[in-house]
Amino acid sequence: MDIEPDDTDEPQGTPVFDQETGSVRVLSRLCGTCIYRPDFAHVLGPGRRDEMENGAVEEDTYIPCHNTLAYGPYPGTPGAICRGFFNRRKNHSAYTRLAQFFDNVQEVDPPGEAAPTDTTTTKDTP
């Protein structure tokens, strides 16, 4: 029985499953322009972030980090689940619940950003 997902198994069209490690990539912290940061929430317009979040939960998927989208500012960067979404809804989506259940969450730094020197801010709570 083949249990490894292929490209058609990935929700949202942004693959976050790492075939080499068998894990699901999640940002290690909020990226600098995350829609979950209070100073960037307005970028989407009123209610849009909640609409996206609720839609992802209803479909048992996730919100990918916008910086890891194929058409984003870092083309070629492997997809990763948005840290803000993961912090708020990791227990509400089948995709993220399964990744946690099987201990298959691989934290990756936001693309284009240096790792923090102060690890107390690694998770950032939106």
N, C-alpha and C. Protein backbone atom coordinates (compact mmCIF):
# COMPACT_ATOMS: atom_id res chain seq x y z
N MET A 1 0.84 -1.18 0.00
CA MET A 1 0.00 0.00 0.00
C MET A 1 0.88 1.24 0.00
N ASP A 2 0.66 2.12 -0.96
CA ASP A 2 1.45 3.35 -1.07
C ASP A 2 0.86 4.43 -0.18
N ILE A 3 1.61 4.86 0.84
CA ILE A 3 1.09 5.88 1.74
C ILE A 3 1.76 7.23 1.54
N GLU A 4 2.73 7.32 0.65
CA GLU A 4 3.39 8.59 0.40
C GLU A 4 2.54 9.41 -0.56
N PRO A 5 2.29 10.69 -0.20
CA PRO A 5 1.48 11.51 -1.10
C PRO A 5 2.25 11.85 -2.37
N ASP A 6 1.51 12.02 -3.45
CA ASP A 6 2.13 12.53 -4.67
C ASP A 6 1.65 13.97 -4.85
N ASP A 7 2.00 14.60 -5.93
CA ASP A 7 1.65 16.01 -6.13
C ASP A 7 0.15 16.25 -6.09
N THR A 8 -0.66 15.26 -6.47
CA THR A 8 -2.10 15.46 -6.47
C THR A 8 -2.70 15.38 -5.08
N ASP A 9 -1.95 14.88 -4.11
CA ASP A 9 -2.45 14.77 -2.75
C ASP A 9 -2.27 16.07 -1.96
N GLU A 10 -1.50 17.00 -2.46
CA GLU A 10 -1.21 18.22 -1.73
C GLU A 10 -2.37 19.21 -1.85
N PRO A 11 -2.91 19.64 -0.71
CA PRO A 11 -3.94 20.66 -0.76
C PRO A 11 -3.35 22.01 -1.14
N GLN A 12 -4.18 22.90 -1.59
CA GLN A 12 -3.80 24.27 -1.89
C GLN A 12 -2.83 24.43 -3.05
N GLY A 13 -2.32 23.36 -3.63
CA GLY A 13 -1.40 23.50 -4.74
C GLY A 13 0.01 23.89 -4.35
N THR A 14 0.29 24.03 -3.08
CA THR A 14 1.64 24.35 -2.61
C THR A 14 2.15 23.18 -1.78
N PRO A 15 2.99 22.33 -2.37
CA PRO A 15 3.46 21.14 -1.65
C PRO A 15 4.28 21.49 -0.41
N VAL A 16 3.88 20.95 0.72
CA VAL A 16 4.62 21.16 1.96
C VAL A 16 5.17 19.84 2.50
N PHE A 17 4.86 18.76 1.82
CA PHE A 17 5.36 17.45 2.23
C PHE A 17 6.75 17.25 1.67
N ASP A 18 7.69 16.93 2.54
CA ASP A 18 9.07 16.69 2.13
C ASP A 18 9.24 15.21 1.85
N GLN A 19 9.37 14.85 0.59
CA GLN A 19 9.49 13.45 0.19
C GLN A 19 10.73 12.77 0.78
N GLU A 20 11.80 13.52 0.94
CA GLU A 20 13.05 12.93 1.45
C GLU A 20 12.96 12.54 2.91
N THR A 21 12.33 13.41 3.73
CA THR A 21 12.27 13.16 5.17
C THR A 21 10.94 12.58 5.62
N GLY A 22 9.93 12.64 4.75
CA GLY A 22 8.61 12.16 5.13
C GLY A 22 7.91 13.08 6.11
N SER A 23 8.34 14.34 6.14
CA SER A 23 7.75 15.29 7.09
C SER A 23 7.00 16.42 6.38
N VAL A 24 6.27 17.17 7.16
CA VAL A 24 5.53 18.32 6.67
C VAL A 24 6.27 19.58 7.14
N ARG A 25 6.61 20.46 6.18
CA ARG A 25 7.34 21.68 6.51
C ARG A 25 6.39 22.74 7.07
N VAL A 26 6.80 23.34 8.19
CA VAL A 26 6.08 24.44 8.83
C VAL A 26 7.11 25.50 9.16
N LEU A 27 6.80 26.75 8.92
CA LEU A 27 7.76 27.80 9.27
C LEU A 27 8.07 27.76 10.76
N SER A 28 9.30 28.01 11.12
CA SER A 28 9.73 27.98 12.52
C SER A 28 9.23 29.20 13.30
N ARG A 29 8.84 30.24 12.57
CA ARG A 29 8.32 31.47 13.19
C ARG A 29 7.55 32.24 12.13
N LEU A 30 6.85 33.26 12.56
CA LEU A 30 6.14 34.11 11.61
C LEU A 30 7.15 34.80 10.70
N CYS A 31 6.87 34.84 9.40
CA CYS A 31 7.77 35.58 8.52
C CYS A 31 7.56 37.08 8.76
N GLY A 32 8.44 37.87 8.26
CA GLY A 32 8.40 39.32 8.50
C GLY A 32 7.17 40.02 7.96
N THR A 33 6.51 39.41 6.97
CA THR A 33 5.31 40.02 6.39
C THR A 33 4.10 39.11 6.52
N CYS A 34 4.06 38.32 7.57
CA CYS A 34 2.99 37.36 7.79
C CYS A 34 1.64 38.07 7.98
N ILE A 35 0.61 37.50 7.38
CA ILE A 35 -0.74 38.06 7.52
C ILE A 35 -1.27 37.90 8.94
N TYR A 36 -0.58 37.16 9.78
CA TYR A 36 -0.98 37.01 11.18
C TYR A 36 -0.30 38.03 12.09
N ARG A 37 0.61 38.80 11.56
CA ARG A 37 1.20 39.89 12.34
C ARG A 37 0.20 41.04 12.37
N PRO A 38 0.02 41.66 13.53
CA PRO A 38 -0.95 42.76 13.62
C PRO A 38 -0.68 43.87 12.61
N ASP A 39 0.57 44.15 12.33
CA ASP A 39 0.89 45.25 11.41
C ASP A 39 0.74 44.86 9.93
N PHE A 40 0.40 43.60 9.62
CA PHE A 40 0.21 43.18 8.24
C PHE A 40 -1.18 42.60 7.98
N ALA A 41 -2.00 42.50 9.00
CA ALA A 41 -3.33 41.91 8.85
C ALA A 41 -4.19 42.71 7.86
N HIS A 42 -3.97 43.99 7.77
CA HIS A 42 -4.77 44.86 6.89
C HIS A 42 -4.51 44.61 5.40
N VAL A 43 -3.43 43.97 5.07
CA VAL A 43 -3.04 43.78 3.67
C VAL A 43 -4.12 43.02 2.89
N LEU A 44 -4.79 42.07 3.51
CA LEU A 44 -5.80 41.27 2.84
C LEU A 44 -7.17 41.90 2.80
N GLY A 45 -7.40 42.90 3.60
CA GLY A 45 -8.73 43.49 3.69
C GLY A 45 -9.51 42.88 4.85
N PRO A 46 -10.55 43.56 5.27
CA PRO A 46 -11.33 43.12 6.44
C PRO A 46 -11.92 41.71 6.26
N GLY A 47 -11.62 40.85 7.21
CA GLY A 47 -12.19 39.52 7.24
C GLY A 47 -11.58 38.49 6.30
N ARG A 48 -10.72 38.90 5.40
CA ARG A 48 -10.19 37.96 4.41
C ARG A 48 -9.32 36.88 5.04
N ARG A 49 -8.48 37.25 6.01
CA ARG A 49 -7.63 36.24 6.65
C ARG A 49 -8.49 35.19 7.35
N ASP A 50 -9.51 35.62 8.06
CA ASP A 50 -10.40 34.66 8.73
C ASP A 50 -11.13 33.78 7.73
N GLU A 51 -11.51 34.36 6.60
CA GLU A 51 -12.16 33.60 5.54
C GLU A 51 -11.22 32.51 5.00
N MET A 52 -9.96 32.88 4.77
CA MET A 52 -8.97 31.91 4.29
C MET A 52 -8.75 30.82 5.33
N GLU A 53 -8.61 31.22 6.57
CA GLU A 53 -8.36 30.28 7.66
C GLU A 53 -9.52 29.30 7.81
N ASN A 54 -10.74 29.82 7.84
CA ASN A 54 -11.91 28.96 7.99
C ASN A 54 -12.06 28.03 6.79
N GLY A 55 -11.77 28.52 5.60
CA GLY A 55 -11.84 27.68 4.40
C GLY A 55 -10.84 26.54 4.45
N ALA A 56 -9.64 26.83 4.91
CA ALA A 56 -8.61 25.79 5.02
C ALA A 56 -9.04 24.73 6.03
N VAL A 57 -9.60 25.15 7.15
CA VAL A 57 -10.05 24.20 8.17
C VAL A 57 -11.21 23.36 7.64
N GLU A 58 -12.16 24.01 6.96
CA GLU A 58 -13.30 23.27 6.41
C GLU A 58 -12.86 22.22 5.39
N GLU A 59 -11.80 22.50 4.66
CA GLU A 59 -11.30 21.57 3.66
C GLU A 59 -10.20 20.66 4.21
N ASP A 60 -9.93 20.74 5.52
CA ASP A 60 -8.89 19.94 6.17
C ASP A 60 -7.53 20.13 5.53
N THR A 61 -7.19 21.38 5.21
CA THR A 61 -5.91 21.67 4.59
C THR A 61 -5.15 22.67 5.46
N TYR A 62 -4.52 23.65 4.84
CA TYR A 62 -3.69 24.61 5.55
C TYR A 62 -3.55 25.87 4.71
N ILE A 63 -2.97 26.90 5.32
CA ILE A 63 -2.59 28.10 4.57
C ILE A 63 -1.07 28.03 4.41
N PRO A 64 -0.60 28.04 3.17
CA PRO A 64 0.85 28.05 2.97
C PRO A 64 1.41 29.45 3.20
N CYS A 65 2.66 29.53 3.60
CA CYS A 65 3.32 30.83 3.72
C CYS A 65 3.40 31.45 2.33
N HIS A 66 3.00 32.70 2.22
CA HIS A 66 3.01 33.39 0.92
C HIS A 66 4.42 33.50 0.34
N ASN A 67 5.43 33.49 1.18
CA ASN A 67 6.81 33.57 0.69
C ASN A 67 7.31 32.25 0.10
N THR A 68 6.54 31.18 0.30
CA THR A 68 6.95 29.89 -0.27
C THR A 68 6.10 29.50 -1.47
N LEU A 69 5.23 30.36 -1.92
CA LEU A 69 4.43 30.08 -3.11
C LEU A 69 5.32 30.13 -4.34
N ALA A 70 5.02 29.32 -5.34
CA ALA A 70 5.83 29.25 -6.55
C ALA A 70 5.96 30.61 -7.24
N TYR A 71 4.94 31.44 -7.15
CA TYR A 71 4.96 32.76 -7.78
C TYR A 71 5.36 33.87 -6.79
N GLY A 72 5.79 33.48 -5.60
CA GLY A 72 6.17 34.44 -4.58
C GLY A 72 7.56 35.02 -4.79
N PRO A 73 8.04 35.75 -3.81
CA PRO A 73 9.33 36.43 -3.94
C PRO A 73 10.55 35.51 -3.90
N TYR A 74 10.36 34.24 -3.54
CA TYR A 74 11.48 33.30 -3.46
C TYR A 74 11.17 32.04 -4.26
N PRO A 75 11.09 32.17 -5.60
CA PRO A 75 10.77 30.99 -6.42
C PRO A 75 11.78 29.87 -6.20
N GLY A 76 11.30 28.67 -6.20
CA GLY A 76 12.17 27.52 -5.98
C GLY A 76 12.27 27.12 -4.52
N THR A 77 11.74 27.95 -3.63
CA THR A 77 11.75 27.63 -2.20
C THR A 77 10.70 26.56 -1.94
N PRO A 78 11.02 25.52 -1.20
CA PRO A 78 10.02 24.50 -0.89
C PRO A 78 8.86 25.11 -0.09
N GLY A 79 7.66 24.66 -0.37
CA GLY A 79 6.48 25.15 0.34
C GLY A 79 6.53 24.83 1.82
N ALA A 80 5.87 25.66 2.61
CA ALA A 80 5.78 25.44 4.06
C ALA A 80 4.47 26.02 4.55
N ILE A 81 3.93 25.41 5.59
CA ILE A 81 2.70 25.91 6.19
C ILE A 81 3.01 27.20 6.95
N CYS A 82 2.12 28.17 6.80
CA CYS A 82 2.26 29.45 7.50
C CYS A 82 2.27 29.20 9.01
N ARG A 83 3.23 29.82 9.70
CA ARG A 83 3.34 29.63 11.15
C ARG A 83 2.13 30.19 11.88
N GLY A 84 1.62 31.32 11.41
CA GLY A 84 0.45 31.91 12.04
C GLY A 84 -0.75 30.96 11.99
N PHE A 85 -0.97 30.35 10.82
CA PHE A 85 -2.06 29.38 10.70
C PHE A 85 -1.80 28.20 11.63
N PHE A 86 -0.59 27.70 11.62
CA PHE A 86 -0.26 26.53 12.45
C PHE A 86 -0.46 26.84 13.93
N ASN A 87 -0.04 28.03 14.36
CA ASN A 87 -0.20 28.40 15.77
C ASN A 87 -1.68 28.45 16.17
N ARG A 88 -2.50 28.97 15.29
CA ARG A 88 -3.92 29.15 15.63
C ARG A 88 -4.78 27.93 15.37
N ARG A 89 -4.49 27.16 14.30
CA ARG A 89 -5.44 26.14 13.89
C ARG A 89 -4.82 24.75 13.68
N LYS A 90 -3.66 24.50 14.24
CA LYS A 90 -2.99 23.22 14.00
C LYS A 90 -3.81 22.02 14.45
N ASN A 91 -4.71 22.21 15.39
CA ASN A 91 -5.53 21.09 15.87
C ASN A 91 -6.91 21.05 15.20
N HIS A 92 -7.13 21.89 14.21
CA HIS A 92 -8.44 21.96 13.57
C HIS A 92 -8.42 21.47 12.12
N SER A 93 -7.29 21.12 11.60
CA SER A 93 -7.17 20.65 10.22
C SER A 93 -6.61 19.23 10.24
N ALA A 94 -7.22 18.34 9.48
CA ALA A 94 -6.76 16.95 9.46
C ALA A 94 -5.30 16.87 9.02
N TYR A 95 -4.92 17.68 8.05
CA TYR A 95 -3.56 17.65 7.53
C TYR A 95 -2.55 17.95 8.64
N THR A 96 -2.79 18.99 9.42
CA THR A 96 -1.84 19.37 10.46
C THR A 96 -1.96 18.45 11.69
N ARG A 97 -3.14 17.96 11.97
CA ARG A 97 -3.29 17.02 13.09
C ARG A 97 -2.51 15.74 12.81
N LEU A 98 -2.61 15.23 11.59
CA LEU A 98 -1.89 14.00 11.24
C LEU A 98 -0.38 14.22 11.30
N ALA A 99 0.09 15.34 10.82
CA ALA A 99 1.52 15.63 10.87
C ALA A 99 2.02 15.63 12.31
N GLN A 100 1.24 16.21 13.21
CA GLN A 100 1.62 16.23 14.62
C GLN A 100 1.52 14.84 15.24
N PHE A 101 0.45 14.12 14.92
CA PHE A 101 0.25 12.80 15.48
C PHE A 101 1.41 11.86 15.17
N PHE A 102 1.89 11.94 13.93
CA PHE A 102 2.99 11.07 13.51
C PHE A 102 4.35 11.72 13.76
N ASP A 103 4.36 12.85 14.46
CA ASP A 103 5.59 13.58 14.79
C ASP A 103 6.40 13.85 13.52
N ASN A 104 5.71 14.34 12.50
CA ASN A 104 6.34 14.60 11.20
C ASN A 104 6.35 16.08 10.85
N VAL A 105 6.49 16.93 11.83
CA VAL A 105 6.56 18.37 11.56
C VAL A 105 8.02 18.78 11.51
N GLN A 106 8.42 19.34 10.38
CA GLN A 106 9.79 19.82 10.19
C GLN A 106 9.74 21.35 10.16
N GLU A 107 10.33 21.99 11.14
CA GLU A 107 10.34 23.45 11.17
C GLU A 107 11.46 23.98 10.29
N VAL A 108 11.10 24.94 9.43
CA VAL A 108 12.06 25.57 8.53
C VAL A 108 11.99 27.07 8.71
N ASP A 109 13.13 27.73 8.55
CA ASP A 109 13.16 29.19 8.68
C ASP A 109 12.45 29.84 7.50
N PRO A 110 11.84 31.00 7.73
CA PRO A 110 11.22 31.72 6.61
C PRO A 110 12.27 32.03 5.54
N PRO A 111 11.90 31.90 4.28
CA PRO A 111 12.87 32.17 3.22
C PRO A 111 13.32 33.63 3.24
N GLY A 112 14.61 33.83 2.99
CA GLY A 112 15.16 35.17 2.93
C GLY A 112 15.39 35.84 4.27
N GLU A 113 15.19 35.11 5.35
CA GLU A 113 15.38 35.68 6.69
C GLU A 113 16.41 34.86 7.46
N ALA A 114 17.30 35.55 8.12
CA ALA A 114 18.30 34.88 8.95
C ALA A 114 17.63 34.29 10.19
N ALA A 115 18.22 33.21 10.67
CA ALA A 115 17.71 32.60 11.91
C ALA A 115 17.89 33.58 13.06
N PRO A 116 16.92 33.63 13.97
CA PRO A 116 17.03 34.57 15.10
C PRO A 116 18.14 34.15 16.05
N THR A 117 18.76 35.12 16.67
CA THR A 117 19.78 34.82 17.67
C THR A 117 19.13 34.61 19.03
N ASP A 118 17.94 35.19 19.22
CA ASP A 118 17.18 35.03 20.45
C ASP A 118 16.09 33.99 20.20
N THR A 119 16.24 32.78 20.71
CA THR A 119 15.30 31.71 20.41
C THR A 119 13.99 31.84 21.16
N THR A 120 13.84 32.83 22.04
CA THR A 120 12.57 32.99 22.74
C THR A 120 11.49 33.51 21.81
N THR A 121 11.87 34.06 20.66
CA THR A 121 10.87 34.59 19.71
C THR A 121 10.63 33.63 18.55
N THR A 122 11.09 32.42 18.67
CA THR A 122 11.01 31.48 17.55
C THR A 122 9.57 31.20 17.10
N LYS A 123 8.63 31.06 18.00
CA LYS A 123 7.27 30.67 17.62
C LYS A 123 6.36 31.85 17.33
N ASP A 124 6.64 33.02 17.88
CA ASP A 124 5.77 34.18 17.66
C ASP A 124 4.29 33.79 17.72
N THR A 125 3.56 34.37 18.59
CA THR A 125 2.14 34.10 18.66
C THR A 125 1.39 35.24 18.02
N PRO A 126 0.57 34.92 17.00
CA PRO A 126 -0.16 36.01 16.32
C PRO A 126 -1.18 36.65 17.23
